[in-house]
Full PDB file with SEQRES, HELIX, SHEET, SSBOND, CRYST1, ORIGX, SCALE, CONECT and MASTER records, all heavy atoms in Angstrom:
SEQRES   1 A   33  TYR ARG GLN ALA PRO GLY LYS GLN ARG GLU LEU VAL ALA          
SEQRES   2 A   33  ASP ILE THR SER GLY ALA SER THR ASN TYR ALA ASP SER          
SEQRES   3 A   33  VAL LYS GLY ARG PHE THR ILE                                  
HELIX    1 AA1 ASP A   25  VAL A   27  5                                   3    
SHEET    1 AA1 2 ALA A  13  ILE A  15  0                                        
SHEET    2 AA1 2 THR A  21  TYR A  23 -1                                        
CRYST1    1.000    1.000    1.000  90.00  90.00  90.00 P 1           1          
ORIGX1      1.000000  0.000000  0.000000        0.00000                         
ORIGX2      0.000000  1.000000  0.000000        0.00000                         
ORIGX3      0.000000  0.000000  1.000000        0.00000                         
SCALE1      1.000000  0.000000  0.000000        0.00000                         
SCALE2      0.000000  1.000000  0.000000        0.00000                         
SCALE3      0.000000  0.000000  1.000000        0.00000                         
ATOM      1  N   TYR A   1     129.090  17.569  11.603  1.00  0.00           N  
ATOM      2  CA  TYR A   1     129.147  16.124  11.695  1.00  0.00           C  
ATOM      3  C   TYR A   1     127.891  15.639  12.407  1.00  0.00           C  
ATOM      4  O   TYR A   1     127.222  16.407  13.086  1.00  0.00           O  
ATOM      5  CB  TYR A   1     130.384  15.671  12.469  1.00  0.00           C  
ATOM      6  CG  TYR A   1     131.699  15.927  11.754  1.00  0.00           C  
ATOM      7  CD1 TYR A   1     132.196  17.215  11.595  1.00  0.00           C  
ATOM      8  CD2 TYR A   1     132.455  14.868  11.251  1.00  0.00           C  
ATOM      9  CE1 TYR A   1     133.390  17.449  10.948  1.00  0.00           C  
ATOM     10  CE2 TYR A   1     133.658  15.092  10.607  1.00  0.00           C  
ATOM     11  CZ  TYR A   1     134.124  16.387  10.460  1.00  0.00           C  
ATOM     12  OH  TYR A   1     135.324  16.609   9.818  1.00  0.00           O  
ATOM     13  N   ARG A   2     127.588  14.361  12.259  1.00  0.00           N  
ATOM     14  CA  ARG A   2     126.456  13.805  12.975  1.00  0.00           C  
ATOM     15  C   ARG A   2     126.774  12.392  13.436  1.00  0.00           C  
ATOM     16  O   ARG A   2     127.598  11.698  12.851  1.00  0.00           O  
ATOM     17  CB  ARG A   2     125.186  13.804  12.120  1.00  0.00           C  
ATOM     18  CG  ARG A   2     125.220  12.858  10.924  1.00  0.00           C  
ATOM     19  CD  ARG A   2     123.966  13.039  10.080  1.00  0.00           C  
ATOM     20  NE  ARG A   2     123.934  12.151   8.936  1.00  0.00           N  
ATOM     21  CZ  ARG A   2     123.015  12.193   7.979  1.00  0.00           C  
ATOM     22  NH1 ARG A   2     122.038  13.110   8.037  1.00  0.00           N  
ATOM     23  NH2 ARG A   2     123.057  11.334   6.970  1.00  0.00           N  
ATOM     24  N   GLN A   3     126.096  11.985  14.499  1.00  0.00           N  
ATOM     25  CA  GLN A   3     126.276  10.652  15.045  1.00  0.00           C  
ATOM     26  C   GLN A   3     124.916  10.091  15.442  1.00  0.00           C  
ATOM     27  O   GLN A   3     124.239  10.642  16.309  1.00  0.00           O  
ATOM     28  CB  GLN A   3     127.216  10.668  16.251  1.00  0.00           C  
ATOM     29  CG  GLN A   3     127.576   9.287  16.765  1.00  0.00           C  
ATOM     30  CD  GLN A   3     128.744   9.314  17.739  1.00  0.00           C  
ATOM     31  OE1 GLN A   3     129.032  10.344  18.342  1.00  0.00           O  
ATOM     32  NE2 GLN A   3     129.423   8.195  17.873  1.00  0.00           N  
ATOM     33  N   ALA A   4     124.530   9.007  14.793  1.00  0.00           N  
ATOM     34  CA  ALA A   4     123.296   8.310  15.100  1.00  0.00           C  
ATOM     35  C   ALA A   4     123.592   7.182  16.082  1.00  0.00           C  
ATOM     36  O   ALA A   4     124.730   6.712  16.177  1.00  0.00           O  
ATOM     37  CB  ALA A   4     122.661   7.762  13.829  1.00  0.00           C  
ATOM     38  N   PRO A   5     122.582   6.724  16.821  1.00  0.00           N  
ATOM     39  CA  PRO A   5     122.801   5.628  17.770  1.00  0.00           C  
ATOM     40  C   PRO A   5     123.403   4.402  17.099  1.00  0.00           C  
ATOM     41  O   PRO A   5     122.924   3.954  16.054  1.00  0.00           O  
ATOM     42  CB  PRO A   5     121.395   5.336  18.298  1.00  0.00           C  
ATOM     43  CG  PRO A   5     120.667   6.630  18.147  1.00  0.00           C  
ATOM     44  CD  PRO A   5     121.199   7.226  16.878  1.00  0.00           C  
ATOM     45  N   GLY A   6     124.467   3.870  17.687  1.00  0.00           N  
ATOM     46  CA  GLY A   6     125.113   2.689  17.161  1.00  0.00           C  
ATOM     47  C   GLY A   6     126.000   2.921  15.962  1.00  0.00           C  
ATOM     48  O   GLY A   6     126.512   1.950  15.388  1.00  0.00           O  
ATOM     49  N   LYS A   7     126.198   4.160  15.565  1.00  0.00           N  
ATOM     50  CA  LYS A   7     127.015   4.471  14.407  1.00  0.00           C  
ATOM     51  C   LYS A   7     128.137   5.438  14.787  1.00  0.00           C  
ATOM     52  O   LYS A   7     128.060   6.139  15.786  1.00  0.00           O  
ATOM     53  CB  LYS A   7     126.174   5.081  13.287  1.00  0.00           C  
ATOM     54  CG  LYS A   7     125.070   4.185  12.776  1.00  0.00           C  
ATOM     55  CD  LYS A   7     124.288   4.839  11.661  1.00  0.00           C  
ATOM     56  CE  LYS A   7     125.144   5.058  10.428  1.00  0.00           C  
ATOM     57  NZ  LYS A   7     124.367   5.626   9.293  1.00  0.00           N  
ATOM     58  N   GLN A   8     129.179   5.455  13.958  1.00  0.00           N  
ATOM     59  CA  GLN A   8     130.280   6.378  14.167  1.00  0.00           C  
ATOM     60  C   GLN A   8     129.903   7.784  13.718  1.00  0.00           C  
ATOM     61  O   GLN A   8     129.015   7.965  12.883  1.00  0.00           O  
ATOM     62  CB  GLN A   8     131.523   5.909  13.412  1.00  0.00           C  
ATOM     63  CG  GLN A   8     132.136   4.616  13.926  1.00  0.00           C  
ATOM     64  CD  GLN A   8     133.422   4.270  13.197  1.00  0.00           C  
ATOM     65  OE1 GLN A   8     133.623   4.660  12.049  1.00  0.00           O  
ATOM     66  NE2 GLN A   8     134.298   3.548  13.867  1.00  0.00           N  
ATOM     67  N   ARG A   9     130.599   8.758  14.278  1.00  0.00           N  
ATOM     68  CA  ARG A   9     130.393  10.125  13.851  1.00  0.00           C  
ATOM     69  C   ARG A   9     130.870  10.283  12.407  1.00  0.00           C  
ATOM     70  O   ARG A   9     131.947   9.806  12.038  1.00  0.00           O  
ATOM     71  CB  ARG A   9     131.145  11.090  14.768  1.00  0.00           C  
ATOM     72  CG  ARG A   9     130.893  12.556  14.478  1.00  0.00           C  
ATOM     73  CD  ARG A   9     131.565  13.457  15.510  1.00  0.00           C  
ATOM     74  NE  ARG A   9     131.059  13.210  16.858  1.00  0.00           N  
ATOM     75  CZ  ARG A   9     131.375  13.953  17.916  1.00  0.00           C  
ATOM     76  NH1 ARG A   9     132.192  14.993  17.778  1.00  0.00           N  
ATOM     77  NH2 ARG A   9     130.882  13.649  19.109  1.00  0.00           N  
ATOM     78  N   GLU A  10     130.075  10.945  11.584  1.00  0.00           N  
ATOM     79  CA  GLU A  10     130.393  11.092  10.181  1.00  0.00           C  
ATOM     80  C   GLU A  10     130.266  12.543   9.747  1.00  0.00           C  
ATOM     81  O   GLU A  10     129.474  13.311  10.298  1.00  0.00           O  
ATOM     82  CB  GLU A  10     129.468  10.222   9.319  1.00  0.00           C  
ATOM     83  CG  GLU A  10     128.002  10.623   9.387  1.00  0.00           C  
ATOM     84  CD  GLU A  10     127.115   9.807   8.466  1.00  0.00           C  
ATOM     85  OE1 GLU A  10     127.644   8.965   7.714  1.00  0.00           O  
ATOM     86  OE2 GLU A  10     125.885  10.008   8.496  1.00  0.00           O  
ATOM     87  N   LEU A  11     131.043  12.884   8.736  1.00  0.00           N  
ATOM     88  CA  LEU A  11     130.974  14.228   8.168  1.00  0.00           C  
ATOM     89  C   LEU A  11     129.681  14.389   7.387  1.00  0.00           C  
ATOM     90  O   LEU A  11     129.333  13.547   6.560  1.00  0.00           O  
ATOM     91  CB  LEU A  11     132.168  14.476   7.255  1.00  0.00           C  
ATOM     92  CG  LEU A  11     132.144  15.790   6.467  1.00  0.00           C  
ATOM     93  CD1 LEU A  11     132.325  16.979   7.403  1.00  0.00           C  
ATOM     94  CD2 LEU A  11     133.219  15.788   5.384  1.00  0.00           C  
ATOM     95  N   VAL A  12     128.985  15.479   7.638  1.00  0.00           N  
ATOM     96  CA  VAL A  12     127.789  15.830   6.882  1.00  0.00           C  
ATOM     97  C   VAL A  12     128.138  16.833   5.789  1.00  0.00           C  
ATOM     98  O   VAL A  12     127.810  16.641   4.618  1.00  0.00           O  
ATOM     99  CB  VAL A  12     126.692  16.406   7.792  1.00  0.00           C  
ATOM    100  CG1 VAL A  12     125.478  16.836   6.976  1.00  0.00           C  
ATOM    101  CG2 VAL A  12     126.295  15.385   8.850  1.00  0.00           C  
ATOM    102  N   ALA A  13     128.798  17.911   6.175  1.00  0.00           N  
ATOM    103  CA  ALA A  13     129.188  18.949   5.233  1.00  0.00           C  
ATOM    104  C   ALA A  13     130.245  19.833   5.871  1.00  0.00           C  
ATOM    105  O   ALA A  13     130.285  19.972   7.094  1.00  0.00           O  
ATOM    106  CB  ALA A  13     127.986  19.803   4.813  1.00  0.00           C  
ATOM    107  N   ASP A  14     131.100  20.404   5.050  1.00  0.00           N  
ATOM    108  CA  ASP A  14     132.035  21.393   5.555  1.00  0.00           C  
ATOM    109  C   ASP A  14     132.226  22.494   4.526  1.00  0.00           C  
ATOM    110  O   ASP A  14     131.844  22.356   3.360  1.00  0.00           O  
ATOM    111  CB  ASP A  14     133.375  20.784   5.996  1.00  0.00           C  
ATOM    112  CG  ASP A  14     134.109  20.039   4.895  1.00  0.00           C  
ATOM    113  OD1 ASP A  14     133.848  20.276   3.698  1.00  0.00           O  
ATOM    114  OD2 ASP A  14     134.985  19.209   5.238  1.00  0.00           O  
ATOM    115  N   ILE A  15     132.808  23.591   4.969  1.00  0.00           N  
ATOM    116  CA  ILE A  15     132.985  24.760   4.118  1.00  0.00           C  
ATOM    117  C   ILE A  15     134.302  25.425   4.484  1.00  0.00           C  
ATOM    118  O   ILE A  15     134.626  25.597   5.657  1.00  0.00           O  
ATOM    119  CB  ILE A  15     131.790  25.727   4.256  1.00  0.00           C  
ATOM    120  CG1 ILE A  15     131.931  26.914   3.310  1.00  0.00           C  
ATOM    121  CG2 ILE A  15     131.612  26.184   5.701  1.00  0.00           C  
ATOM    122  CD1 ILE A  15     130.653  27.741   3.205  1.00  0.00           C  
ATOM    123  N   THR A  16     135.070  25.797   3.477  1.00  0.00           N  
ATOM    124  CA  THR A  16     136.361  26.422   3.703  1.00  0.00           C  
ATOM    125  C   THR A  16     136.192  27.918   3.896  1.00  0.00           C  
ATOM    126  O   THR A  16     135.115  28.483   3.707  1.00  0.00           O  
ATOM    127  CB  THR A  16     137.310  26.165   2.530  1.00  0.00           C  
ATOM    128  OG1 THR A  16     136.843  26.890   1.376  1.00  0.00           O  
ATOM    129  CG2 THR A  16     137.378  24.684   2.192  1.00  0.00           C  
ATOM    130  N   SER A  17     137.286  28.568   4.261  1.00  0.00           N  
ATOM    131  CA  SER A  17     137.269  30.015   4.407  1.00  0.00           C  
ATOM    132  C   SER A  17     136.995  30.705   3.076  1.00  0.00           C  
ATOM    133  O   SER A  17     136.524  31.839   3.060  1.00  0.00           O  
ATOM    134  CB  SER A  17     138.586  30.517   5.000  1.00  0.00           C  
ATOM    135  OG  SER A  17     139.689  30.152   4.179  1.00  0.00           O  
ATOM    136  N   GLY A  18     137.283  30.025   1.970  1.00  0.00           N  
ATOM    137  CA  GLY A  18     136.994  30.544   0.651  1.00  0.00           C  
ATOM    138  C   GLY A  18     135.623  30.165   0.128  1.00  0.00           C  
ATOM    139  O   GLY A  18     135.329  30.395  -1.043  1.00  0.00           O  
ATOM    140  N   ALA A  19     134.802  29.543   0.982  1.00  0.00           N  
ATOM    141  CA  ALA A  19     133.406  29.197   0.688  1.00  0.00           C  
ATOM    142  C   ALA A  19     133.257  27.980  -0.225  1.00  0.00           C  
ATOM    143  O   ALA A  19     132.182  27.759  -0.777  1.00  0.00           O  
ATOM    144  CB  ALA A  19     132.656  30.389   0.097  1.00  0.00           C  
ATOM    145  N   SER A  20     134.312  27.186  -0.382  1.00  0.00           N  
ATOM    146  CA  SER A  20     134.167  25.912  -1.071  1.00  0.00           C  
ATOM    147  C   SER A  20     133.480  24.915  -0.144  1.00  0.00           C  
ATOM    148  O   SER A  20     133.787  24.853   1.045  1.00  0.00           O  
ATOM    149  CB  SER A  20     135.524  25.376  -1.502  1.00  0.00           C  
ATOM    150  OG  SER A  20     136.128  26.228  -2.453  1.00  0.00           O  
ATOM    151  N   THR A  21     132.561  24.121  -0.687  1.00  0.00           N  
ATOM    152  CA  THR A  21     131.763  23.222   0.136  1.00  0.00           C  
ATOM    153  C   THR A  21     131.974  21.770  -0.245  1.00  0.00           C  
ATOM    154  O   THR A  21     132.362  21.446  -1.367  1.00  0.00           O  
ATOM    155  CB  THR A  21     130.272  23.550   0.023  1.00  0.00           C  
ATOM    156  OG1 THR A  21     129.864  23.452  -1.349  1.00  0.00           O  
ATOM    157  CG2 THR A  21     129.998  24.962   0.521  1.00  0.00           C  
ATOM    158  N   ASN A  22     131.686  20.894   0.708  1.00  0.00           N  
ATOM    159  CA  ASN A  22     131.782  19.464   0.524  1.00  0.00           C  
ATOM    160  C   ASN A  22     130.645  18.809   1.298  1.00  0.00           C  
ATOM    161  O   ASN A  22     130.384  19.185   2.441  1.00  0.00           O  
ATOM    162  CB  ASN A  22     133.135  18.946   1.021  1.00  0.00           C  
ATOM    163  CG  ASN A  22     133.259  17.446   0.920  1.00  0.00           C  
ATOM    164  OD1 ASN A  22     133.102  16.877  -0.149  1.00  0.00           O  
ATOM    165  ND2 ASN A  22     133.551  16.792   2.046  1.00  0.00           N  
ATOM    166  N   TYR A  23     129.971  17.837   0.674  1.00  0.00           N  
ATOM    167  CA  TYR A  23     128.823  17.188   1.291  1.00  0.00           C  
ATOM    168  C   TYR A  23     128.954  15.677   1.248  1.00  0.00           C  
ATOM    169  O   TYR A  23     129.516  15.106   0.310  1.00  0.00           O  
ATOM    170  CB  TYR A  23     127.526  17.558   0.568  1.00  0.00           C  
ATOM    171  CG  TYR A  23     127.174  19.017   0.616  1.00  0.00           C  
ATOM    172  CD1 TYR A  23     127.562  19.885  -0.400  1.00  0.00           C  
ATOM    173  CD2 TYR A  23     126.430  19.538   1.672  1.00  0.00           C  
ATOM    174  CE1 TYR A  23     127.232  21.227  -0.363  1.00  0.00           C  
ATOM    175  CE2 TYR A  23     126.099  20.878   1.715  1.00  0.00           C  
ATOM    176  CZ  TYR A  23     126.498  21.718   0.698  1.00  0.00           C  
ATOM    177  OH  TYR A  23     126.163  23.056   0.737  1.00  0.00           O  
ATOM    178  N   ALA A  24     128.405  15.030   2.268  1.00  0.00           N  
ATOM    179  CA  ALA A  24     128.249  13.586   2.220  1.00  0.00           C  
ATOM    180  C   ALA A  24     127.252  13.228   1.129  1.00  0.00           C  
ATOM    181  O   ALA A  24     126.299  13.969   0.868  1.00  0.00           O  
ATOM    182  CB  ALA A  24     127.770  13.055   3.567  1.00  0.00           C  
ATOM    183  N   ASP A  25     127.456  12.077   0.493  1.00  0.00           N  
ATOM    184  CA  ASP A  25     126.572  11.671  -0.590  1.00  0.00           C  
ATOM    185  C   ASP A  25     125.113  11.580  -0.139  1.00  0.00           C  
ATOM    186  O   ASP A  25     124.198  11.882  -0.914  1.00  0.00           O  
ATOM    187  CB  ASP A  25     127.012  10.321  -1.158  1.00  0.00           C  
ATOM    188  CG  ASP A  25     128.297  10.413  -1.946  1.00  0.00           C  
ATOM    189  OD1 ASP A  25     128.666  11.523  -2.379  1.00  0.00           O  
ATOM    190  OD2 ASP A  25     128.950   9.368  -2.142  1.00  0.00           O  
ATOM    191  N   SER A  26     124.894  11.192   1.096  1.00  0.00           N  
ATOM    192  CA  SER A  26     123.541  10.985   1.589  1.00  0.00           C  
ATOM    193  C   SER A  26     122.741  12.275   1.735  1.00  0.00           C  
ATOM    194  O   SER A  26     121.514  12.223   1.854  1.00  0.00           O  
ATOM    195  CB  SER A  26     123.576  10.252   2.933  1.00  0.00           C  
ATOM    196  OG  SER A  26     124.295  10.990   3.900  1.00  0.00           O  
ATOM    197  N   VAL A  27     123.414  13.425   1.740  1.00  0.00           N  
ATOM    198  CA  VAL A  27     122.707  14.689   1.951  1.00  0.00           C  
ATOM    199  C   VAL A  27     122.810  15.627   0.757  1.00  0.00           C  
ATOM    200  O   VAL A  27     122.203  16.709   0.778  1.00  0.00           O  
ATOM    201  CB  VAL A  27     123.201  15.418   3.213  1.00  0.00           C  
ATOM    202  CG1 VAL A  27     123.118  14.492   4.424  1.00  0.00           C  
ATOM    203  CG2 VAL A  27     124.625  15.939   3.029  1.00  0.00           C  
ATOM    204  N   LYS A  28     123.538  15.247  -0.269  1.00  0.00           N  
ATOM    205  CA  LYS A  28     123.681  16.106  -1.440  1.00  0.00           C  
ATOM    206  C   LYS A  28     122.319  16.401  -2.060  1.00  0.00           C  
ATOM    207  O   LYS A  28     121.490  15.516  -2.236  1.00  0.00           O  
ATOM    208  CB  LYS A  28     124.590  15.450  -2.480  1.00  0.00           C  
ATOM    209  CG  LYS A  28     126.061  15.452  -2.107  1.00  0.00           C  
ATOM    210  CD  LYS A  28     126.909  14.810  -3.196  1.00  0.00           C  
ATOM    211  CE  LYS A  28     128.377  14.842  -2.837  1.00  0.00           C  
ATOM    212  NZ  LYS A  28     129.213  14.175  -3.874  1.00  0.00           N  
ATOM    213  N   GLY A  29     122.105  17.656  -2.381  1.00  0.00           N  
ATOM    214  CA  GLY A  29     120.844  18.077  -2.958  1.00  0.00           C  
ATOM    215  C   GLY A  29     119.777  18.408  -1.946  1.00  0.00           C  
ATOM    216  O   GLY A  29     118.743  18.984  -2.312  1.00  0.00           O  
ATOM    217  N   ARG A  30     119.991  18.059  -0.677  1.00  0.00           N  
ATOM    218  CA  ARG A  30     119.012  18.326   0.365  1.00  0.00           C  
ATOM    219  C   ARG A  30     119.518  19.321   1.404  1.00  0.00           C  
ATOM    220  O   ARG A  30     118.745  20.124   1.923  1.00  0.00           O  
ATOM    221  CB  ARG A  30     118.614  17.029   1.077  1.00  0.00           C  
ATOM    222  CG  ARG A  30     117.992  15.995   0.151  1.00  0.00           C  
ATOM    223  CD  ARG A  30     117.425  14.813   0.936  1.00  0.00           C  
ATOM    224  NE  ARG A  30     118.476  14.091   1.666  1.00  0.00           N  
ATOM    225  CZ  ARG A  30     118.510  13.943   2.981  1.00  0.00           C  
ATOM    226  NH1 ARG A  30     117.539  14.472   3.734  1.00  0.00           N  
ATOM    227  NH2 ARG A  30     119.489  13.266   3.562  1.00  0.00           N  
ATOM    228  N   PHE A  31     120.810  19.249   1.728  1.00  0.00           N  
ATOM    229  CA  PHE A  31     121.402  20.117   2.745  1.00  0.00           C  
ATOM    230  C   PHE A  31     122.268  21.183   2.084  1.00  0.00           C  
ATOM    231  O   PHE A  31     122.892  20.942   1.041  1.00  0.00           O  
ATOM    232  CB  PHE A  31     122.273  19.319   3.712  1.00  0.00           C  
ATOM    233  CG  PHE A  31     121.522  18.376   4.611  1.00  0.00           C  
ATOM    234  CD1 PHE A  31     120.170  18.133   4.439  1.00  0.00           C  
ATOM    235  CD2 PHE A  31     122.194  17.728   5.639  1.00  0.00           C  
ATOM    236  CE1 PHE A  31     119.485  17.259   5.272  1.00  0.00           C  
ATOM    237  CE2 PHE A  31     121.521  16.856   6.478  1.00  0.00           C  
ATOM    238  CZ  PHE A  31     120.169  16.619   6.296  1.00  0.00           C  
ATOM    239  N   THR A  32     122.342  22.348   2.710  1.00  0.00           N  
ATOM    240  CA  THR A  32     123.191  23.424   2.245  1.00  0.00           C  
ATOM    241  C   THR A  32     123.941  24.025   3.421  1.00  0.00           C  
ATOM    242  O   THR A  32     123.323  24.432   4.410  1.00  0.00           O  
ATOM    243  CB  THR A  32     122.380  24.531   1.550  1.00  0.00           C  
ATOM    244  OG1 THR A  32     121.658  23.986   0.444  1.00  0.00           O  
ATOM    245  CG2 THR A  32     123.317  25.619   1.030  1.00  0.00           C  
ATOM    246  N   ILE A  33     125.267  24.077   3.316  1.00  0.00           N  
ATOM    247  CA  ILE A  33     126.085  24.680   4.356  1.00  0.00           C  
ATOM    248  C   ILE A  33     126.502  26.074   3.905  1.00  0.00           C  
ATOM    249  O   ILE A  33     126.777  26.302   2.728  1.00  0.00           O  
ATOM    250  CB  ILE A  33     127.314  23.811   4.685  1.00  0.00           C  
ATOM    251  CG1 ILE A  33     128.048  24.345   5.915  1.00  0.00           C  
ATOM    252  CG2 ILE A  33     128.262  23.706   3.495  1.00  0.00           C  
ATOM    253  CD1 ILE A  33     129.144  23.411   6.435  1.00  0.00           C  
TER     254      ILE A  33                                                      
MASTER        0    0    0    1    2    0    0    6  253    1    0    3          
END                                                                             
């Protein structure tokens, strides 16, 4: 998760025990968990 000044904490990416991943739209294609 990440939190910028003046903003709420938001999910960036997560990964399950089975290696399924989920990304915020703003980081898709740029970040890899």
